[in-house]
Protein backbone atom coordinates (compact mmCIF):
# COMPACT_ATOMS: atom_id res chain seq x y z
CA MET A 1 136.53 143.13 108.61
CA GLN A 2 135.44 142.40 105.04
CA PHE A 3 132.37 140.23 104.65
CA ALA A 4 131.12 138.25 101.66
CA GLU A 5 129.20 140.35 99.16
CA ARG A 6 126.36 137.81 99.12
CA LEU A 7 125.39 138.96 102.62
CA ASN A 8 124.24 142.21 101.03
CA ASN A 9 121.36 140.27 99.45
CA VAL A 10 119.76 139.30 102.78
CA GLU A 11 118.78 140.83 106.09
CA THR A 12 117.93 139.59 109.56
CA SER A 13 114.59 137.78 109.77
CA ALA A 14 111.76 140.17 110.61
CA ILE A 15 110.22 137.40 112.68
CA ARG A 16 113.36 136.88 114.75
CA GLU A 17 113.56 140.62 115.30
CA LEU A 18 109.94 140.65 116.45
CA PHE A 19 110.73 138.02 119.07
CA LYS A 20 112.94 140.59 120.81
CA LEU A 21 109.78 142.53 121.65
CA LEU A 22 108.06 139.57 123.26
CA GLY A 23 109.87 139.80 126.58
CA LYS A 24 107.26 142.23 127.84
CA PRO A 25 105.30 140.55 130.67
CA GLY A 26 101.84 139.33 129.77
CA ILE A 27 102.29 139.29 125.99
CA ILE A 28 100.09 136.75 124.21
CA SER A 29 101.98 135.66 121.13
CA PHE A 30 100.43 134.52 117.86
CA ALA A 31 103.79 135.20 116.19
CA GLY A 32 105.64 131.90 116.46
CA GLY A 33 105.81 129.37 113.68
CA PHE A 34 106.55 126.38 115.87
CA PRO A 35 104.54 123.53 117.41
CA ASP A 36 103.32 123.45 120.99
CA SER A 37 105.93 121.78 123.22
CA ALA A 38 103.07 120.40 125.32
CA MET A 39 102.23 118.19 122.33
CA PHE A 40 105.61 116.47 122.27
CA ASP A 41 105.49 112.74 123.03
CA VAL A 42 108.21 113.01 125.66
CA ASP A 43 107.70 109.47 126.96
CA GLY A 44 107.85 108.02 123.48
CA ILE A 45 110.96 109.99 122.53
CA ARG A 46 112.65 109.03 125.82
CA GLU A 47 111.93 105.37 125.17
CA ALA A 48 113.20 105.68 121.61
CA ALA A 49 116.43 107.30 122.80
CA ASN A 50 116.92 104.54 125.38
CA GLN A 51 116.33 101.91 122.71
CA ALA A 52 118.84 103.60 120.41
CA LEU A 53 121.49 103.47 123.13
CA ALA A 54 120.61 99.93 124.17
CA GLN A 55 120.54 98.36 120.71
CA GLU A 56 123.25 100.18 118.76
CA PRO A 57 125.16 102.52 121.06
CA GLY A 58 128.22 102.61 118.86
CA ALA A 59 126.28 103.59 115.75
CA ALA A 60 124.14 106.12 117.63
CA LEU A 61 127.13 107.94 119.12
CA GLN A 62 129.65 107.63 116.29
CA TYR A 63 130.18 109.52 113.03
CA GLY A 64 127.82 108.31 110.34
CA ALA A 65 127.19 108.33 106.60
CA THR A 66 126.40 111.72 105.08
CA GLU A 67 123.35 110.26 103.35
CA GLY A 68 121.88 109.29 106.71
CA TYR A 69 121.57 106.50 109.26
CA ASN A 70 120.26 103.59 107.23
CA PRO A 71 117.65 102.32 109.75
CA LEU A 72 116.13 105.81 109.73
CA ARG A 73 116.17 105.98 105.93
CA GLU A 74 114.28 102.68 105.94
CA GLN A 75 111.72 104.03 108.41
CA ILE A 76 111.26 107.27 106.45
CA ALA A 77 110.77 105.25 103.25
CA ALA A 78 108.05 103.25 105.03
CA PHE A 79 106.49 106.43 106.46
CA MET A 80 106.36 107.97 102.98
CA GLY A 81 104.98 104.69 101.62
CA SER A 82 102.04 104.99 104.01
CA LYS A 83 101.28 108.29 102.26
CA GLY A 84 101.43 106.88 98.75
CA VAL A 85 105.07 107.67 97.92
CA GLN A 86 107.17 104.75 96.76
CA VAL A 87 110.82 105.46 97.53
CA ALA A 88 113.77 103.21 98.33
CA PRO A 89 115.91 104.08 101.36
CA ASP A 90 118.77 105.06 99.06
CA GLY A 91 116.41 107.37 97.16
CA LEU A 92 116.47 109.92 99.98
CA ILE A 93 118.98 111.64 102.22
CA VAL A 94 118.48 112.68 105.83
CA THR A 95 118.94 116.40 106.45
CA THR A 96 119.29 118.53 109.57
CA GLY A 97 115.68 119.65 109.41
CA SER A 98 113.98 120.50 106.13
CA GLN A 99 115.66 123.92 106.33
CA GLN A 100 118.97 122.25 105.47
CA ALA A 101 117.33 120.61 102.46
CA LEU A 102 116.42 124.08 101.19
CA ASP A 103 119.97 125.28 101.78
CA LEU A 104 121.33 122.31 99.83
CA ILE A 105 118.95 123.16 96.99
CA GLY A 106 120.34 126.69 97.01
CA LYS A 107 123.90 125.38 96.91
CA THR A 108 123.28 122.89 94.12
CA LEU A 109 120.86 124.74 91.84
CA VAL A 110 121.32 128.50 92.28
CA ASP A 111 123.88 130.57 90.41
CA PRO A 112 124.11 134.35 90.94
CA GLY A 113 121.28 135.90 88.95
CA ALA A 114 119.38 132.64 88.49
CA LYS A 115 115.62 133.15 88.49
CA VAL A 116 113.55 131.31 91.06
CA ILE A 117 109.77 131.41 91.46
CA VAL A 118 108.14 131.05 94.88
CA GLU A 119 104.61 131.56 96.11
CA ALA A 120 103.52 135.06 97.09
CA PRO A 121 103.50 134.86 100.08
CA THR A 122 105.91 132.09 101.08
CA PHE A 123 108.17 130.89 103.90
CA LEU A 124 110.40 133.83 104.79
CA ALA A 125 113.55 131.76 105.38
CA THR A 126 113.26 130.34 101.86
CA ILE A 127 113.44 133.78 100.29
CA GLN A 128 116.48 134.59 102.42
CA CYS A 129 118.16 131.26 101.69
CA PHE A 130 117.84 131.49 97.92
CA ARG A 131 118.85 135.14 97.86
CA LEU A 132 121.96 134.33 99.86
CA TYR A 133 123.14 132.28 96.89
CA GLY A 134 122.34 135.10 94.49
CA ALA A 135 118.92 134.08 93.20
CA ASN A 136 116.54 136.57 91.63
CA VAL A 137 113.45 135.50 93.58
CA MET A 138 110.01 136.38 92.23
CA GLY A 139 106.54 135.57 93.51
CA ALA A 140 103.56 133.82 91.91
CA PRO A 141 100.22 134.87 93.45
CA ILE A 142 98.10 132.46 95.45
CA ASP A 143 94.48 132.24 96.51
CA ALA A 144 92.59 130.00 98.93
CA HIS A 145 93.39 126.98 96.73
CA GLY A 146 97.12 127.57 96.49
CA VAL A 147 99.26 129.00 93.73
CA GLN A 148 97.33 130.33 90.75
CA VAL A 149 98.61 127.99 88.05
CA ASP A 150 97.68 130.18 85.08
CA LYS A 151 99.79 133.02 86.46
CA LEU A 152 102.55 130.63 87.47
CA GLU A 153 102.63 129.23 83.95
CA ALA A 154 102.90 132.72 82.49
CA LEU A 155 105.79 133.56 84.81
CA MET A 156 107.54 130.32 83.91
CA ALA A 157 107.16 131.03 80.19
CA GLU A 158 108.54 134.55 80.59
CA HIS A 159 111.39 133.92 83.01
CA LYS A 160 112.33 130.24 82.53
CA PRO A 161 113.24 129.81 86.20
CA ARG A 162 115.88 127.46 87.54
CA PHE A 163 113.16 125.99 89.74
CA VAL A 164 109.76 126.63 91.32
CA TYR A 165 109.38 126.35 95.10
CA LEU A 166 105.96 125.51 96.59
CA ILE A 167 104.43 124.59 99.95
CA PRO A 168 101.32 122.91 98.50
CA THR A 169 99.70 121.79 101.75
CA PHE A 170 98.75 124.20 104.59
CA GLY A 171 101.38 126.69 103.45
CA ASN A 172 103.44 128.93 105.66
CA PRO A 173 102.25 131.64 105.99
CA SER A 174 99.15 131.29 103.82
CA GLY A 175 97.57 128.17 105.31
CA ALA A 176 96.38 127.46 101.75
CA THR A 177 96.16 123.99 100.23
CA LEU A 178 96.72 123.40 96.54
CA SER A 179 93.78 121.65 94.90
CA LEU A 180 94.20 118.23 93.28
CA GLU A 181 93.53 119.68 89.83
CA ARG A 182 96.25 122.31 90.28
CA ARG A 183 98.71 119.72 91.61
CA LEU A 184 98.35 117.64 88.47
CA ARG A 185 98.66 120.72 86.26
CA ILE A 186 101.90 121.70 87.99
CA LEU A 187 103.38 118.24 87.50
CA ASN A 188 102.48 118.38 83.82
CA LEU A 189 104.01 121.85 83.60
CA ALA A 190 107.23 120.54 85.13
CA VAL A 191 107.48 117.86 82.45
CA GLN A 192 106.50 120.12 79.56
CA THR A 193 108.93 122.88 80.51
CA GLN A 194 111.59 120.63 82.08
CA THR A 195 111.56 122.77 85.19
CA VAL A 196 112.45 121.50 88.65
CA VAL A 197 109.64 121.84 91.21
CA ILE A 198 110.48 121.83 94.92
CA GLU A 199 107.70 120.51 97.16
CA ASP A 200 108.19 121.53 100.81
CA ASP A 201 105.84 119.49 102.97
CA PRO A 202 106.37 120.06 106.71
CA TYR A 203 102.66 120.50 107.52
CA GLY A 204 100.87 117.94 105.36
CA ASP A 205 100.13 115.55 108.25
CA LEU A 206 98.55 118.28 110.38
CA TYR A 207 95.08 118.19 108.82
CA PHE A 208 91.78 118.80 110.58
CA GLY A 209 89.06 116.40 109.52
CA GLU A 210 89.35 115.40 105.86
CA ALA A 211 92.86 114.63 104.62
CA PRO A 212 94.32 116.95 101.97
CA PRO A 213 95.03 115.79 98.40
CA PRO A 214 98.06 113.50 97.97
CA SER A 215 101.45 115.17 97.86
CA LEU A 216 102.96 116.11 94.53
CA MET A 217 105.45 113.28 95.05
CA ALA A 218 102.62 110.77 95.53
CA LEU A 219 100.92 112.06 92.37
CA THR A 220 103.98 111.64 90.14
CA ALA A 221 102.76 108.11 89.40
CA GLN A 222 99.88 109.70 87.46
CA VAL A 223 102.08 112.04 85.39
CA PRO A 224 104.75 110.19 83.41
CA GLY A 225 108.17 111.79 83.66
CA SER A 226 107.29 114.14 86.52
CA ARG A 227 109.37 112.26 89.10
CA ASP A 228 112.46 113.36 87.15
CA TRP A 229 111.66 117.02 87.88
CA LEU A 230 110.35 116.89 91.45
CA VAL A 231 112.15 117.34 94.77
CA HIS A 232 110.27 116.56 97.99
CA CYS A 233 111.37 117.93 101.37
CA GLY A 234 109.89 116.42 104.54
CA SER A 235 110.43 116.91 108.26
CA LEU A 236 109.60 115.54 111.70
CA SER A 237 109.87 119.02 113.24
CA LYS A 238 106.20 119.98 113.19
CA VAL A 239 104.79 116.52 113.97
CA LEU A 240 107.29 115.08 116.48
CA SER A 241 109.97 117.52 117.68
CA PRO A 242 111.91 120.36 116.06
CA GLY A 243 114.73 119.76 118.53
CA LEU A 244 115.60 116.46 116.86
CA ARG A 245 116.41 118.40 113.64
CA VAL A 246 115.45 115.49 111.41
CA GLY A 247 114.28 116.11 107.87
CA TRP A 248 114.76 114.46 104.50
CA MET A 249 114.97 115.12 100.80
CA ILE A 250 113.77 112.88 97.97
CA ALA A 251 115.17 113.91 94.61
CA PRO A 252 116.40 112.61 91.25
CA PRO A 253 119.69 110.70 91.67
CA ALA A 254 121.95 113.33 90.09
CA LEU A 255 120.65 116.08 92.38
CA LEU A 256 120.71 113.80 95.42
CA ALA A 257 124.39 113.00 94.79
CA ARG A 258 125.35 116.65 94.54
CA ALA A 259 123.31 117.57 97.60
CA THR A 260 125.06 114.81 99.55
CA MET A 261 128.43 116.18 98.48
CA CYS A 262 127.47 119.69 99.64
CA LYS A 263 126.15 118.31 102.93
CA GLN A 264 129.58 116.76 103.53
CA PHE A 265 131.00 120.28 103.48
CA SER A 266 128.30 121.62 105.83
CA ASP A 267 127.94 119.21 108.74
CA ALA A 268 129.33 115.81 107.62
CA HIS A 269 126.03 114.24 108.67
CA THR A 270 122.89 114.91 110.71
CA SER A 271 123.27 113.91 114.39
CA THR A 272 123.43 110.12 114.44
CA PHE A 273 121.93 110.05 117.94
CA ALA A 274 118.94 112.11 116.78
CA GLN A 275 118.58 109.89 113.71
CA ALA A 276 118.75 106.68 115.76
CA THR A 277 116.17 108.08 118.18
CA ALA A 278 113.85 109.04 115.32
CA ALA A 279 114.30 105.61 113.74
CA GLN A 280 113.33 103.86 116.96
CA TYR A 281 110.33 106.17 117.40
CA LEU A 282 108.99 105.47 113.91
CA LYS A 283 109.68 101.75 114.34
CA ALA A 284 107.62 101.72 117.54
CA ALA A 285 104.59 102.89 115.53
CA ARG A 286 103.71 105.69 117.96
CA MET A 287 103.36 108.32 115.24
CA PRO A 288 99.68 107.67 114.34
CA ALA A 289 98.52 108.24 117.92
CA THR A 290 100.73 111.32 118.26
CA LEU A 291 99.35 112.79 115.05
CA ALA A 292 95.75 112.08 116.09
CA ARG A 293 96.25 113.98 119.35
CA VAL A 294 98.00 116.91 117.71
CA ARG A 295 95.37 117.22 115.00
CA GLU A 296 92.56 117.27 117.53
CA VAL A 297 94.16 120.00 119.66
CA TYR A 298 95.19 122.22 116.74
CA ALA A 299 91.81 121.82 115.03
CA SER A 300 90.04 123.03 118.16
CA ARG A 301 92.38 126.00 118.53
CA ALA A 302 91.98 126.95 114.88
CA LYS A 303 88.19 126.79 115.20
CA THR A 304 88.31 129.03 118.28
CA MET A 305 90.59 131.55 116.60
CA GLY A 306 88.39 131.75 113.51
CA GLU A 307 85.26 132.33 115.60
CA CYS A 308 86.99 134.99 117.71
CA LEU A 309 88.39 136.85 114.71
CA LYS A 310 84.92 137.09 113.20
CA LYS A 311 83.44 138.23 116.50
CA GLU A 312 86.11 140.77 117.48
CA LEU A 313 87.18 142.17 114.09
CA GLY A 314 84.16 141.55 111.88
CA ASP A 315 84.56 142.85 108.36
CA ALA A 316 87.76 144.72 109.25
CA MET A 317 89.66 141.49 108.58
CA ALA A 318 89.26 138.92 105.79
CA PHE A 319 90.60 135.36 106.01
CA THR A 320 89.99 131.78 104.95
CA GLN A 321 89.58 129.22 107.73
CA PRO A 322 92.57 126.83 107.45
CA GLY A 323 91.97 123.11 107.07
CA GLY A 324 95.24 122.21 108.78
CA GLY A 325 98.72 123.41 109.62
CA LEU A 326 99.60 126.12 112.12
CA PHE A 327 98.52 129.43 110.61
CA PHE A 328 95.83 131.92 109.71
CA TRP A 329 96.61 134.30 106.85
CA ALA A 330 94.52 137.46 106.96
CA ARG A 331 94.13 140.83 105.26
CA LEU A 332 93.05 144.07 106.85
CA THR A 333 90.21 145.57 104.80
CA GLY A 334 90.04 149.03 106.35
CA ALA A 335 86.27 148.62 106.86
CA GLY A 336 84.75 151.08 109.29
CA GLY A 337 87.78 153.31 109.14
CA LYS A 338 90.00 150.66 110.77
CA THR A 339 93.68 150.40 109.88
CA ARG A 340 94.77 148.63 106.70
CA ASP A 341 98.48 148.58 107.58
CA GLY A 342 99.81 145.34 109.05
CA ASN A 343 103.00 146.94 110.34
CA GLU A 344 101.06 149.69 112.08
CA LEU A 345 98.68 147.17 113.62
CA ALA A 346 101.63 145.10 114.86
CA LYS A 347 102.91 148.08 116.86
CA ARG A 348 99.47 148.84 118.29
CA ALA A 349 98.95 145.18 119.12
CA ILE A 350 102.18 144.98 121.14
CA GLU A 351 100.93 147.95 123.16
CA GLN A 352 97.72 145.98 123.82
CA GLY A 353 99.72 142.91 124.86
CA VAL A 354 99.36 140.68 121.79
CA ALA A 355 101.81 139.86 118.99
CA PHE A 356 101.58 138.58 115.42
CA VAL A 357 103.77 138.76 112.32
CA PRO A 358 103.03 141.42 109.65
CA GLY A 359 102.70 139.85 106.21
CA ALA A 360 104.99 142.03 104.11
CA PRO A 361 108.26 140.09 104.74
CA PHE A 362 106.71 136.92 103.33
CA PHE A 363 106.68 138.38 99.80
CA ALA A 364 109.73 138.20 97.56
CA THR A 365 108.39 141.14 95.54
CA HIS A 366 105.40 143.51 95.74
CA PRO A 367 104.53 142.97 99.43
CA ASP A 368 100.93 143.17 100.57
CA LEU A 369 101.13 145.66 103.44
CA SER A 370 97.62 144.83 104.63
CA SER A 371 98.42 141.18 105.33
CA LEU A 372 99.38 139.37 108.52
CA ARG A 373 100.05 135.88 109.89
CA LEU A 374 98.56 134.52 113.10
CA SER A 375 99.59 131.19 114.65
CA PHE A 376 97.21 129.33 116.94
CA ALA A 377 99.51 126.38 117.65
CA THR A 378 101.14 127.36 120.93
CA VAL A 379 98.27 129.21 122.62
CA GLY A 380 95.44 127.61 124.59
CA GLU A 381 91.85 128.45 123.70
CA ASP A 382 91.30 130.80 126.65
CA LYS A 383 94.41 132.76 125.67
CA ILE A 384 93.29 132.79 122.04
CA ARG A 385 90.02 134.43 123.09
CA GLU A 386 91.84 136.95 125.23
CA GLY A 387 94.51 137.65 122.62
CA VAL A 388 92.06 138.17 119.77
CA GLY A 389 90.07 140.46 122.07
CA ARG A 390 93.20 142.56 122.54
CA LEU A 391 93.77 142.52 118.79
CA GLY A 392 90.25 143.84 118.26
CA LYS A 393 91.05 146.80 120.50
CA ALA A 394 94.27 147.49 118.56
CA VAL A 395 92.57 147.66 115.18
C-alpha cells in the first residue's frame, strides 16, 4: 500500500506512546495533558443537554451550518466579550475542539516548505500538524515570561515566516505567561511585518489568584491594524469538557471564509448536539462557578507539587511555579551527580511507579534533553506527594 509522502514528515506522538506504558498497576501519572474528570459539571451539562432537546430538538439532532450553530456562536461572542474581546457571532466559526482550528490553519496557510515559527517548547500536536502540511517549523526560545520577543523578531526578519504560533497564557508545556509588554510588542511586530500571529488560548481562564494579562485578541484595540493579522483559537475542553469537542476560531474574514470551506471537506460541521448543549450551558451562566471551583482545586494541587519538588529534588531540578494552567515545566540540572537526561529519568521513573513526559518532543528544533513536563491536574494532593517522592528516588 502506498501512503502519502507527507506522512514521512511526522511520527506518532511520544505522549501517546508513553500512555501505553501506564497500564502497569499502581502507576501515578503526571503525564496527561487533560483536565480532571472529577471537575466536570455533570449536573449542569446534563441539564443543558436536556434543555437542548426540549427547546430545539430538530436543530440539535440535524445537520447544521459549517460555521456553527448560531445560538452557540452568540454565546461564545458574549463569553469572549466578558474577557474584553468584541466579536460578532459571524466573526467566528465553531470548530471540533481547538485542535481542528489548528488543522484548518495548516490547510489554509501552509504550503510545502513554508516557514512557521513556534515557541520552543510548544504544544507537540501543533508541530506535528504543521509538519503534516509540509511546513518548515522552527522554534523561538522562551523564558518564564513567554517568548523572547527580541529573538522572535530576529527570526522573523531572517525567515519571513508564513505565521507565528503562540500559546501566550499558561503555555503547554511551558506553563509560561507572556507579559503585557511583550504582548503589545508582538502585536506591533505583526503589523510592521504583516505577519499572521496565531494565539492559542485553551488555558487562559485557569488562573490561580491574579488574572493574567488580557489576550492578544483583547489587546488589538490598543494596536491599530493588529486585528487584521491575528487569529484567536479558543476551547471549552479544559474548562468544561473535552468530550464535547467544542472550540472556536476568530480570524480576519478572508481567512475565516477559507477555513470554513476546508471544514466543509473535513466534517461538514461540529456536532450540532454538542453545540446546542454548550450553548445552553453558557446561557445558564454556570461557567463562572465552574471556573471558580476548578481554579481553586488546580491552584492547591500546583502549590503542593511545587513544594514537593523542592523538598524531594532540591537543586537537582529547576522550575518556575506556574500561575495557572495544568503544567510544570522543569529542567534537570545534574546537581549532586544526579541525571540530566529527561528520557533516562522517564525510564527510571516508570520503574519507581511514576510517569511524566520528557521535554525533547516539545521542541521543533534543537531539543532540550534535560527538560520535562509534569501535570498536576488529574492527581489528588496525597498522590502528588507520593508521586514526587517516587520521582525523587528515580533521579
